[in-house]
C-alpha atoms as a PDB file:
ATOM      1  CA  MET A   1     -21.593  16.127   3.695  1.00  0.00           C
ATOM      2  CA  GLU A   2     -20.100  13.069   5.753  1.00  0.00           C
ATOM      3  CA  VAL A   3     -16.766  13.724   7.192  1.00  0.00           C
ATOM      4  CA  LEU A   4     -14.509  10.704   8.187  1.00  0.00           C
ATOM      5  CA  LEU A   5     -12.051  11.221  10.830  1.00  0.00           C
ATOM      6  CA  LEU A   6      -9.398   8.382  11.406  1.00  0.00           C
ATOM      7  CA  GLY A   7      -6.832   8.125  14.099  1.00  0.00           C
ATOM      8  CA  ALA A   8      -3.478   7.014  12.883  1.00  0.00           C
ATOM      9  CA  GLY A   9      -2.790   3.577  13.705  1.00  0.00           C
ATOM     10  CA  ALA A  10      -0.723   2.514  16.787  1.00  0.00           C
ATOM     11  CA  GLY A  11       2.721   3.701  16.703  1.00  0.00           C
ATOM     12  CA  LYS A  12       6.044   1.881  17.163  1.00  0.00           C
ATOM     13  CA  GLU A  13       6.529   1.316  21.081  1.00  0.00           C
ATOM     14  CA  PHE A  14      10.258   2.329  21.309  1.00  0.00           C
ATOM     15  CA  TRP A  15      10.848   5.487  19.226  1.00  0.00           C
ATOM     16  CA  GLU A  16      13.597   8.153  19.865  1.00  0.00           C
ATOM     17  CA  GLY A  17      13.006  10.192  16.780  1.00  0.00           C
ATOM     18  CA  ALA A  18      10.799  13.163  16.063  1.00  0.00           C
ATOM     19  CA  PRO A  19       6.981  12.243  16.928  1.00  0.00           C
ATOM     20  CA  ALA A  20       6.001  13.095  13.281  1.00  0.00           C
ATOM     21  CA  ASP A  21       8.471  10.484  12.012  1.00  0.00           C
ATOM     22  CA  ARG A  22       7.475   7.781  14.449  1.00  0.00           C
ATOM     23  CA  PRO A  23       6.292   4.588  12.106  1.00  0.00           C
ATOM     24  CA  PRO A  24       3.131   2.475  12.901  1.00  0.00           C
ATOM     25  CA  ARG A  25       3.757  -0.977  14.338  1.00  0.00           C
ATOM     26  CA  THR A  26       2.174  -4.077  13.006  1.00  0.00           C
ATOM     27  CA  ARG A  27      -0.933  -3.629  15.119  1.00  0.00           C
ATOM     28  CA  GLY A  28      -1.379   0.008  13.827  1.00  0.00           C
ATOM     29  CA  LYS A  29      -1.164  -1.281  10.072  1.00  0.00           C
ATOM     30  CA  ARG A  30      -3.617  -3.929  10.920  1.00  0.00           C
ATOM     31  CA  GLN A  31      -6.034  -1.345  12.500  1.00  0.00           C
ATOM     32  CA  ALA A  32      -5.883   0.569   9.220  1.00  0.00           C
ATOM     33  CA  GLN A  33      -6.568  -2.175   6.940  1.00  0.00           C
ATOM     34  CA  LYS A  34      -9.638  -3.412   9.128  1.00  0.00           C
ATOM     35  CA  ILE A  35     -10.928   0.269   8.937  1.00  0.00           C
ATOM     36  CA  GLY A  36     -10.393   0.088   5.083  1.00  0.00           C
ATOM     37  CA  ALA A  37     -12.128  -3.129   4.633  1.00  0.00           C
ATOM     38  CA  PHE A  38     -15.149  -1.558   6.485  1.00  0.00           C
ATOM     39  CA  LEU A  39     -15.185   1.479   4.392  1.00  0.00           C
ATOM     40  CA  GLY A  40     -15.216  -0.586   1.075  1.00  0.00           C
ATOM     41  CA  ARG A  41     -17.955  -2.770   2.497  1.00  0.00           C
ATOM     42  CA  GLU A  42     -20.103   0.228   3.199  1.00  0.00           C
ATOM     43  CA  GLU A  43     -19.032   1.878  -0.079  1.00  0.00           C
ATOM     44  CA  LEU A  44     -17.809   4.920   1.989  1.00  0.00           C
ATOM     45  CA  ARG A  45     -15.346   6.048  -0.726  1.00  0.00           C
ATOM     46  CA  PRO A  46     -13.821   9.505   0.223  1.00  0.00           C
ATOM     47  CA  ASP A  47     -13.484  12.058  -2.535  1.00  0.00           C
ATOM     48  CA  ARG A  48     -10.506  13.811  -0.685  1.00  0.00           C
ATOM     49  CA  VAL A  49      -7.978  12.541   1.712  1.00  0.00           C
ATOM     50  CA  PHE A  50      -6.042  14.839   4.077  1.00  0.00           C
ATOM     51  CA  THR A  51      -3.336  13.956   6.514  1.00  0.00           C
ATOM     52  CA  ASP A  52      -1.552  15.863   9.182  1.00  0.00           C
ATOM     53  CA  GLY A  53       1.900  15.201   7.567  1.00  0.00           C
ATOM     54  CA  SER A  54       2.896  12.713  10.074  1.00  0.00           C
ATOM     55  CA  LEU A  55       4.278   9.302   8.812  1.00  0.00           C
ATOM     56  CA  ARG A  56       1.887   7.313  11.127  1.00  0.00           C
ATOM     57  CA  ALA A  57      -1.126   9.202   9.431  1.00  0.00           C
ATOM     58  CA  ARG A  58       0.333   8.857   5.811  1.00  0.00           C
ATOM     59  CA  ILE A  59       0.756   5.115   6.180  1.00  0.00           C
ATOM     60  CA  THR A  60      -2.528   4.642   7.851  1.00  0.00           C
ATOM     61  CA  ALA A  61      -4.183   6.500   5.011  1.00  0.00           C
ATOM     62  CA  GLU A  62      -2.582   4.419   2.514  1.00  0.00           C
ATOM     63  CA  LYS A  63      -3.272   1.156   4.251  1.00  0.00           C
ATOM     64  CA  ALA A  64      -6.842   1.865   4.596  1.00  0.00           C
ATOM     65  CA  LEU A  65      -7.534   3.054   1.044  1.00  0.00           C
ATOM     66  CA  LYS A  66      -5.775  -0.173  -0.362  1.00  0.00           C
ATOM     67  CA  ALA A  67      -7.630  -2.476   1.923  1.00  0.00           C
ATOM     68  CA  ALA A  68     -10.856  -1.088   0.572  1.00  0.00           C
ATOM     69  CA  GLY A  69      -9.695  -1.703  -2.857  1.00  0.00           C
ATOM     70  CA  TRP A  70      -9.006   1.886  -4.020  1.00  0.00           C
ATOM     71  CA  THR A  71      -5.883   3.714  -5.033  1.00  0.00           C
ATOM     72  CA  ALA A  72      -3.790   5.469  -2.519  1.00  0.00           C
ATOM     73  CA  GLY A  73      -2.824   8.269  -4.956  1.00  0.00           C
ATOM     74  CA  GLY A  74      -3.974  11.912  -4.291  1.00  0.00           C
ATOM     75  CA  ILE A  75      -3.236  12.128  -0.578  1.00  0.00           C
ATOM     76  CA  GLU A  76      -3.026  15.668   0.430  1.00  0.00           C
ATOM     77  CA  THR A  77      -1.051  16.850   3.358  1.00  0.00           C
ATOM     78  CA  SER A  78      -2.786  19.778   5.343  1.00  0.00           C
ATOM     79  CA  THR A  79      -1.044  22.189   7.841  1.00  0.00           C
ATOM     80  CA  VAL A  80      -4.495  23.282   9.082  1.00  0.00           C
ATOM     81  CA  LEU A  81      -5.406  19.767   9.997  1.00  0.00           C
ATOM     82  CA  ALA A  82      -1.996  19.478  11.717  1.00  0.00           C
ATOM     83  CA  GLY A  83      -2.948  22.356  13.813  1.00  0.00           C
ATOM     84  CA  GLY A  84      -6.198  20.558  15.028  1.00  0.00           C
ATOM     85  CA  LYS A  85      -8.530  22.506  12.728  1.00  0.00           C
ATOM     86  CA  LEU A  86     -10.806  21.427   9.845  1.00  0.00           C
ATOM     87  CA  PRO A  87      -9.210  22.216   6.510  1.00  0.00           C
ATOM     88  CA  ASP A  88     -11.270  23.754   3.520  1.00  0.00           C
ATOM     89  CA  LEU A  89     -13.720  21.094   2.622  1.00  0.00           C
ATOM     90  CA  SER A  90     -15.792  23.009   0.363  1.00  0.00           C
ATOM     91  CA  ALA A  91     -15.079  21.062  -2.817  1.00  0.00           C
ATOM     92  CA  ALA A  92     -15.616  17.723  -0.937  1.00  0.00           C
ATOM     93  CA  ARG A  93     -18.608  15.343  -0.647  1.00  0.00           C
ATOM     94  CA  CYS A  94     -16.931  12.769   1.633  1.00  0.00           C
ATOM     95  CA  PRO A  95     -13.622  13.631   2.782  1.00  0.00           C
ATOM     96  CA  LEU A  96     -11.355  11.456   5.057  1.00  0.00           C
ATOM     97  CA  LEU A  97      -9.089  13.087   7.520  1.00  0.00           C
ATOM     98  CA  VAL A  98      -6.293  11.197   9.028  1.00  0.00           C
ATOM     99  CA  ALA A  99      -4.153  12.454  11.854  1.00  0.00           C
ATOM    100  CA  LEU A 100      -2.537  11.581  15.084  1.00  0.00           C
ATOM    101  CA  PRO A 101      -4.945  10.962  17.908  1.00  0.00           C
ATOM    102  CA  GLY A 102      -3.846  14.009  19.729  1.00  0.00           C
ATOM    103  CA  THR A 103      -4.480  16.147  16.819  1.00  0.00           C
ATOM    104  CA  LEU A 104      -7.815  14.715  16.158  1.00  0.00           C
ATOM    105  CA  ARG A 105      -8.840  15.148  19.734  1.00  0.00           C
ATOM    106  CA  ALA A 106      -8.052  18.958  19.552  1.00  0.00           C
ATOM    107  CA  LEU A 107     -10.175  18.970  16.403  1.00  0.00           C
ATOM    108  CA  VAL A 108     -13.022  17.241  17.975  1.00  0.00           C
ATOM    109  CA  ASP A 109     -12.895  19.417  21.022  1.00  0.00           C
ATOM    110  CA  GLY A 110     -13.015  22.630  18.886  1.00  0.00           C
ATOM    111  CA  LEU A 111     -16.114  21.713  16.942  1.00  0.00           C
ATOM    112  CA  SER A 112     -19.538  23.140  17.587  1.00  0.00           C
ATOM    113  CA  TRP A 113     -21.832  20.287  18.131  1.00  0.00           C
ATOM    114  CA  SER A 114     -25.445  19.980  17.295  1.00  0.00           C
ATOM    115  CA  GLY A 115     -26.964  17.604  19.984  1.00  0.00           C
ATOM    116  CA  ALA A 116     -24.776  14.908  21.336  1.00  0.00           C
ATOM    117  CA  SER A 117     -21.164  14.877  20.583  1.00  0.00           C
ATOM    118  CA  PRO A 118     -18.569  11.986  20.909  1.00  0.00           C
ATOM    119  CA  GLU A 119     -16.400  11.802  24.030  1.00  0.00           C
ATOM    120  CA  ALA A 120     -13.326  13.188  22.781  1.00  0.00           C
ATOM    121  CA  HIS A 121     -10.550  11.553  24.578  1.00  0.00           C
ATOM    122  CA  PRO A 122     -12.000   7.961  24.752  1.00  0.00           C
ATOM    123  CA  GLY A 123     -13.445   8.326  21.504  1.00  0.00           C
ATOM    124  CA  VAL A 124     -10.431   9.337  19.150  1.00  0.00           C
ATOM    125  CA  ARG A 125      -7.752   6.604  19.642  1.00  0.00           C
ATOM    126  CA  PRO A 126      -5.462   4.980  17.369  1.00  0.00           C
ATOM    127  CA  GLY A 127      -7.055   3.420  14.546  1.00  0.00           C
ATOM    128  CA  VAL A 128     -10.584   4.605  15.533  1.00  0.00           C
ATOM    129  CA  LEU A 129     -12.790   6.074  12.820  1.00  0.00           C
ATOM    130  CA  LEU A 130     -15.515   8.739  13.639  1.00  0.00           C
ATOM    131  CA  ARG A 131     -18.354   9.531  11.161  1.00  0.00           C
ATOM    132  CA  LEU A 132     -19.783  13.158  11.257  1.00  0.00           C
ATOM    133  CA  SER A 133     -22.525  14.873   9.366  1.00  0.00           C
ATOM    134  CA  LEU A 134     -21.324  18.437   8.563  1.00  0.00           C
ATOM    135  CA  LYS A 135     -23.679  20.977   7.512  1.00  0.00           C
ATOM    136  CA  PRO A 136     -23.537  24.983   7.544  1.00  0.00           C
ATOM    137  CA  GLY A 137     -23.776  25.708  11.323  1.00  0.00           C
ATOM    138  CA  ARG A 138     -24.552  22.126  12.235  1.00  0.00           C
ATOM    139  CA  ILE A 139     -22.335  19.311  13.077  1.00  0.00           C
ATOM    140  CA  ARG A 140     -23.654  15.765  14.138  1.00  0.00           C
ATOM    141  CA  PHE A 141     -21.920  12.623  15.612  1.00  0.00           C
ATOM    142  CA  LEU A 142     -23.122   9.587  13.462  1.00  0.00           C
ATOM    143  CA  ALA A 143     -20.915   6.636  14.697  1.00  0.00           C
ATOM    144  CA  ARG A 144     -17.675   5.458  16.100  1.00  0.00           C
ATOM    145  CA  ILE A 145     -16.050   2.424  14.584  1.00  0.00           C
ATOM    146  CA  ASP A 146     -13.264   0.705  16.601  1.00  0.00           C
ATOM    147  CA  PRO A 147     -11.191  -1.689  14.519  1.00  0.00           C
ATOM    148  CA  ALA A 148     -11.106  -4.071  17.541  1.00  0.00           C
ATOM    149  CA  THR A 149     -14.804  -4.722  16.830  1.00  0.00           C
ATOM    150  CA  LEU A 150     -14.331  -5.476  13.155  1.00  0.00           C
ATOM    151  CA  PRO A 151     -13.602  -9.029  11.666  1.00  0.00           C
ATOM    152  CA  ASP A 152      -9.920 -10.157  11.832  1.00  0.00           C
ATOM    153  CA  LEU A 153     -10.511 -11.808   8.324  1.00  0.00           C
ATOM    154  CA  PHE A 154     -10.785  -9.677   5.245  1.00  0.00           C
ATOM    155  CA  PRO A 155     -13.422 -10.345   2.341  1.00  0.00           C
ATOM    156  CA  TYR A 156     -12.268 -11.792  -0.877  1.00  0.00           C
ATOM    157  CA  PRO A 157     -12.164 -11.284  -3.663  1.00  0.00           C
ATOM    158  CA  ALA A 158     -13.828  -7.721  -3.266  1.00  0.00           C
ATOM    159  CA  PRO A 159     -14.939  -5.775  -0.201  1.00  0.00           C
ATOM    160  CA  ASP A 160     -18.208  -7.557  -0.505  1.00  0.00           C
ATOM    161  CA  GLY A 161     -17.008 -11.008  -1.430  1.00  0.00           C
ATOM    162  CA  ALA A 162     -18.066 -14.068   0.439  1.00  0.00           C
ATOM    163  CA  GLY A 163     -14.525 -15.400   0.887  1.00  0.00           C
ATOM    164  CA  ARG A 164     -12.393 -14.699   3.998  1.00  0.00           C
ATOM    165  CA  ARG A 165      -8.542 -14.252   3.942  1.00  0.00           C
ATOM    166  CA  GLU A 166      -5.677 -13.326   6.251  1.00  0.00           C
ATOM    167  CA  ARG A 167      -4.783 -10.160   4.389  1.00  0.00           C
ATOM    168  CA  PRO A 168      -6.641  -7.658   2.289  1.00  0.00           C
ATOM    169  CA  ALA A 169      -7.713  -9.029  -1.124  1.00  0.00           C
ATOM    170  CA  TYR A 170      -5.135  -7.070  -3.169  1.00  0.00           C
ATOM    171  CA  TYR A 171      -2.284  -8.935  -1.430  1.00  0.00           C
ATOM    172  CA  TYR A 172      -3.056 -12.074  -3.399  1.00  0.00           C
ATOM    173  CA  ARG A 173      -2.553 -10.391  -6.770  1.00  0.00           C
ATOM    174  CA  GLN A 174       1.036  -9.826  -7.415  1.00  0.00           C
ATOM    175  CA  SER A 175       3.409  -9.145 -10.495  1.00  0.00           C
ATOM    176  CA  ALA A 176       7.053  -9.802 -11.165  1.00  0.00           C
ATOM    177  CA  VAL A 177       9.578  -8.620 -13.820  1.00  0.00           C
ATOM    178  CA  ILE A 178      12.556 -10.425 -15.320  1.00  0.00           C
ATOM    179  CA  PRO A 179      14.769  -7.530 -16.299  1.00  0.00           C
ATOM    180  CA  PHE A 180      17.273  -8.278 -19.180  1.00  0.00           C
ATOM    181  CA  ARG A 181      19.644  -6.702 -21.578  1.00  0.00           C
ATOM    182  CA  ARG A 182      21.153  -7.680 -25.043  1.00  0.00           C
ATOM    183  CA  THR A 183      24.694  -8.550 -25.601  1.00  0.00           C
ATOM    184  CA  PRO A 184      26.741  -9.973 -28.398  1.00  0.00           C
ATOM    185  CA  ARG A 185      26.694 -13.269 -26.243  1.00  0.00           C
ATOM    186  CA  GLY A 186      23.052 -13.187 -25.932  1.00  0.00           C
ATOM    187  CA  PRO A 187      20.527 -12.070 -23.458  1.00  0.00           C
ATOM    188  CA  GLU A 188      21.793 -11.405 -19.897  1.00  0.00           C
ATOM    189  CA  ILE A 189      19.345 -11.443 -16.787  1.00  0.00           C
ATOM    190  CA  LEU A 190      19.520  -9.258 -13.798  1.00  0.00           C
ATOM    191  CA  ILE A 191      18.828 -11.051 -10.664  1.00  0.00           C
ATOM    192  CA  VAL A 192      18.654  -9.534  -7.192  1.00  0.00           C
ATOM    193  CA  GLY A 193      18.997 -10.698  -3.650  1.00  0.00           C
ATOM    194  CA  SER A 194      15.954 -11.503  -1.539  1.00  0.00           C
ATOM    195  CA  SER A 195      14.998  -9.225   1.206  1.00  0.00           C
ATOM    196  CA  GLY A 196      16.630 -11.470   3.573  1.00  0.00           C
ATOM    197  CA  GLY A 197      19.665 -11.843   1.432  1.00  0.00           C
ATOM    198  CA  HIS A 198      19.394 -15.915   1.600  1.00  0.00           C
ATOM    199  CA  HIS A 199      18.630 -16.528  -2.164  1.00  0.00           C
ATOM    200  CA  TRP A 200      18.540 -14.913  -5.662  1.00  0.00           C
ATOM    201  CA  THR A 201      15.276 -13.739  -7.159  1.00  0.00           C
ATOM    202  CA  VAL A 202      13.718 -11.204  -9.431  1.00  0.00           C
ATOM    203  CA  PRO A 203      11.821  -8.121  -8.399  1.00  0.00           C
ATOM    204  CA  LYS A 204       8.183  -9.000  -7.282  1.00  0.00           C
ATOM    205  CA  GLY A 205       5.620  -7.419  -5.252  1.00  0.00           C
ATOM    206  CA  ILE A 206       1.841  -6.946  -4.542  1.00  0.00           C
ATOM    207  CA  VAL A 207      -0.185  -5.062  -7.228  1.00  0.00           C
ATOM    208  CA  ASP A 208      -1.387  -1.867  -5.770  1.00  0.00           C
ATOM    209  CA  PRO A 209      -5.081  -0.848  -6.244  1.00  0.00           C
ATOM    210  CA  GLY A 210      -5.169   1.501  -9.067  1.00  0.00           C
ATOM    211  CA  LEU A 211      -2.114   0.103 -10.853  1.00  0.00           C
ATOM    212  CA  SER A 212      -2.011  -2.638 -13.748  1.00  0.00           C
ATOM    213  CA  PRO A 213       0.122  -5.764 -13.181  1.00  0.00           C
ATOM    214  CA  VAL A 214       2.658  -4.468 -15.632  1.00  0.00           C
ATOM    215  CA  ALA A 215       2.737  -1.008 -14.244  1.00  0.00           C
ATOM    216  CA  SER A 216       3.359  -2.491 -10.729  1.00  0.00           C
ATOM    217  CA  ALA A 217       6.078  -4.587 -11.924  1.00  0.00           C
ATOM    218  CA  LEU A 218       7.996  -1.713 -13.293  1.00  0.00           C
ATOM    219  CA  VAL A 219       7.783   0.096  -9.967  1.00  0.00           C
ATOM    220  CA  GLU A 220       9.165  -3.180  -8.298  1.00  0.00           C
ATOM    221  CA  ALA A 221      11.864  -3.110 -10.789  1.00  0.00           C
ATOM    222  CA  ARG A 222      13.043   0.468 -10.053  1.00  0.00           C
ATOM    223  CA  GLU A 223      12.710  -0.188  -6.251  1.00  0.00           C
ATOM    224  CA  GLU A 224      14.025  -3.547  -5.782  1.00  0.00           C
ATOM    225  CA  ALA A 225      16.623  -3.774  -8.691  1.00  0.00           C
ATOM    226  CA  GLY A 226      17.405  -0.107  -9.315  1.00  0.00           C
ATOM    227  CA  VAL A 227      16.589  -0.513 -13.043  1.00  0.00           C
ATOM    228  CA  GLU A 228      14.179   1.099 -15.555  1.00  0.00           C
ATOM    229  CA  GLY A 229      12.967  -0.251 -18.882  1.00  0.00           C
ATOM    230  CA  GLU A 230      10.367  -1.165 -21.193  1.00  0.00           C
ATOM    231  CA  ALA A 231       8.031  -4.067 -20.734  1.00  0.00           C
ATOM    232  CA  ASP A 232       5.154  -5.542 -22.949  1.00  0.00           C
ATOM    233  CA  ALA A 233       1.801  -5.633 -21.262  1.00  0.00           C
ATOM    234  CA  THR A 234       1.332  -9.172 -22.241  1.00  0.00           C
ATOM    235  CA  PRO A 235       2.884 -11.417 -19.465  1.00  0.00           C
ATOM    236  CA  LEU A 236       5.552 -14.026 -20.201  1.00  0.00           C
ATOM    237  CA  GLY A 237       3.420 -16.310 -17.844  1.00  0.00           C
ATOM    238  CA  ARG A 238       1.965 -16.634 -14.340  1.00  0.00           C
ATOM    239  CA  PHE A 239       2.330 -19.124 -11.444  1.00  0.00           C
ATOM    240  CA  THR A 240       0.807 -19.334  -7.844  1.00  0.00           C
ATOM    241  CA  TYR A 241       2.345 -19.938  -4.715  1.00  0.00           C
ATOM    242  CA  GLU A 242       0.972 -20.135  -0.925  1.00  0.00           C
ATOM    243  CA  LYS A 243       1.224 -17.301   1.517  1.00  0.00           C
ATOM    244  CA  TRP A 244      -0.968 -15.792   3.998  1.00  0.00           C
ATOM    245  CA  GLY A 245      -3.208 -18.912   4.104  1.00  0.00           C
ATOM    246  CA  ALA A 246      -4.159 -18.838   0.365  1.00  0.00           C
ATOM    247  CA  ALA A 247      -2.864 -18.883  -3.032  1.00  0.00           C
ATOM    248  CA  CYS A 248      -1.146 -15.768  -4.372  1.00  0.00           C
ATOM    249  CA  GLU A 249      -1.252 -15.290  -8.381  1.00  0.00           C
ATOM    250  CA  VAL A 250       1.678 -13.838  -9.750  1.00  0.00           C
ATOM    251  CA  PHE A 251       1.912 -12.294 -13.413  1.00  0.00           C
ATOM    252  CA  VAL A 252       5.493 -12.228 -14.768  1.00  0.00           C
ATOM    253  CA  PHE A 253       6.886  -9.679 -17.360  1.00  0.00           C
ATOM    254  CA  ALA A 254       9.893  -9.436 -19.459  1.00  0.00           C
ATOM    255  CA  MET A 255      11.422  -5.876 -19.167  1.00  0.00           C
ATOM    256  CA  GLU A 256      14.501  -4.793 -21.408  1.00  0.00           C
ATOM    257  CA  VAL A 257      16.526  -2.521 -19.260  1.00  0.00           C
ATOM    258  CA  THR A 258      17.228   1.030 -20.454  1.00  0.00           C
ATOM    259  CA  GLN A 259      18.852   2.547 -17.439  1.00  0.00           C
ATOM    260  CA  VAL A 260      20.621   1.401 -14.353  1.00  0.00           C
ATOM    261  CA  LEU A 261      20.251   3.482 -11.199  1.00  0.00           C
ATOM    262  CA  GLU A 262      23.125   3.918  -8.660  1.00  0.00           C
ATOM    263  CA  GLY A 263      23.372   5.527  -5.449  1.00  0.00           C
ATOM    264  CA  THR A 264      20.308   7.048  -3.640  1.00  0.00           C
ATOM    265  CA  ALA A 265      18.328   6.631  -6.832  1.00  0.00           C
ATOM    266  CA  TRP A 266      18.066   2.849  -6.083  1.00  0.00           C
ATOM    267  CA  GLU A 267      15.596   2.760  -3.197  1.00  0.00           C
ATOM    268  CA  GLU A 268      16.652  -0.786  -1.939  1.00  0.00           C
ATOM    269  CA  SER A 269      20.370  -0.491  -2.613  1.00  0.00           C
ATOM    270  CA  HIS A 270      20.986  -2.769   0.205  1.00  0.00           C
ATOM    271  CA  ARG A 271      20.066  -5.661  -2.105  1.00  0.00           C
ATOM    272  CA  ARG A 272      22.647  -7.546  -4.173  1.00  0.00           C
ATOM    273  CA  ARG A 273      22.203  -7.573  -8.037  1.00  0.00           C
ATOM    274  CA  ARG A 274      24.011  -9.476 -10.527  1.00  0.00           C
ATOM    275  CA  TRP A 275      24.084  -9.804 -14.430  1.00  0.00           C
ATOM    276  CA  VAL A 276      24.046 -13.420 -15.525  1.00  0.00           C
ATOM    277  CA  SER A 277      23.354 -15.649 -18.497  1.00  0.00           C
ATOM    278  CA  ARG A 278      20.015 -17.342 -18.913  1.00  0.00           C
ATOM    279  CA  ASN A 279      21.655 -20.734 -18.015  1.00  0.00           C
ATOM    280  CA  GLU A 280      23.023 -19.227 -14.800  1.00  0.00           C
ATOM    281  CA  ALA A 281      19.742 -17.473 -13.973  1.00  0.00           C
ATOM    282  CA  ALA A 282      18.035 -20.692 -14.457  1.00  0.00           C
ATOM    283  CA  GLU A 283      20.462 -22.384 -11.874  1.00  0.00           C
ATOM    284  CA  LEU A 284      20.285 -19.645  -9.247  1.00  0.00           C
ATOM    285  CA  LEU A 285      16.763 -18.778  -9.099  1.00  0.00           C
ATOM    286  CA  ARG A 286      14.917 -20.523  -6.515  1.00  0.00           C
ATOM    287  CA  LEU A 287      11.501 -20.725  -8.015  1.00  0.00           C
ATOM    288  CA  GLU A 288      10.950 -23.293 -10.858  1.00  0.00           C
ATOM    289  CA  ALA A 289       8.430 -21.336 -12.507  1.00  0.00           C
ATOM    290  CA  LEU A 290      10.857 -18.264 -13.017  1.00  0.00           C
ATOM    291  CA  ARG A 291      13.632 -20.676 -14.290  1.00  0.00           C
ATOM    292  CA  GLN A 292      11.378 -21.845 -17.104  1.00  0.00           C
ATOM    293  CA  MET A 293      10.401 -18.127 -17.999  1.00  0.00           C
ATOM    294  CA  VAL A 294      13.780 -17.140 -18.150  1.00  0.00           C
ATOM    295  CA  ALA A 295      14.347 -19.429 -21.107  1.00  0.00           C
ATOM    296  CA  GLU A 296      11.643 -17.604 -22.954  1.00  0.00           C
ATOM    297  CA  ILE A 297      13.445 -14.204 -22.816  1.00  0.00           C
ATOM    298  CA  CYS A 298      15.337 -15.176 -26.008  1.00  0.00           C
ATOM    299  CA  GLU A 299      11.955 -15.114 -27.763  1.00  0.00           C
ATOM    300  CA  VAL A 300      11.138 -11.450 -26.715  1.00  0.00           C
ATOM    301  CA  SER A 301      11.224  -9.208 -29.855  1.00  0.00           C
ATOM    302  CA  PRO A 302      13.379  -6.033 -30.048  1.00  0.00           C
END
């Protein structure tokens, strides 16, 4: 069995809350993504993923898995790992353990090594990956991968792709949803404020590995607009725009709203939302491609 130990990425520099709730800073997320790209390229896909329950470890695990092109679902929280011990790995072939560096140092210090062992404190640092061989009564150190030694650009369009981009490949595949409802006056469109509050838009986001474009669009509708509904798997259309040094492709779906969420059920309730006619939506939406697709909402069958 090969065991992968990954130190949680560098945390936010100024944090007054509980250590377990300290989020990673941008550098920490980047460390996780670079390790993820390495795992994908080496085809080191873990069959089980454990974290110590800290926010930094959870986000590090998610960022690494997605950068490798894999789903981030199924991550487990282990109280045993949080205590600096190996959890039960009997059902795993290649587990990934992600924890705060101090927790991993305690784990590494407590292992019974066969032959040379890694230097615990310089070896286990934020974002660093340790590869171990684990057999009954025998633990060997295989390699230490520091994200600082890995390429700054990510392979595209796959972990072994020849192209190089500023962000992991999945960032460039996105989906959006145009939420609508039927009224006696005709269809009404739900538009939402942008994240910065400067213009009107519709829910849009990166398609997470493991999700289809339409499934990802429904998630964005719930999070950004606080609505749920039904959408056809066939997109209204698609468009591209430039971001992160390359073209992002966006699939756009029409979604008939069946439920409007309020209060804490709406994750991004800091955004504005507004029901408008198709003509108003065409005037208020900044992207020309979305304006054109709004006109097609009337053609959507019940």
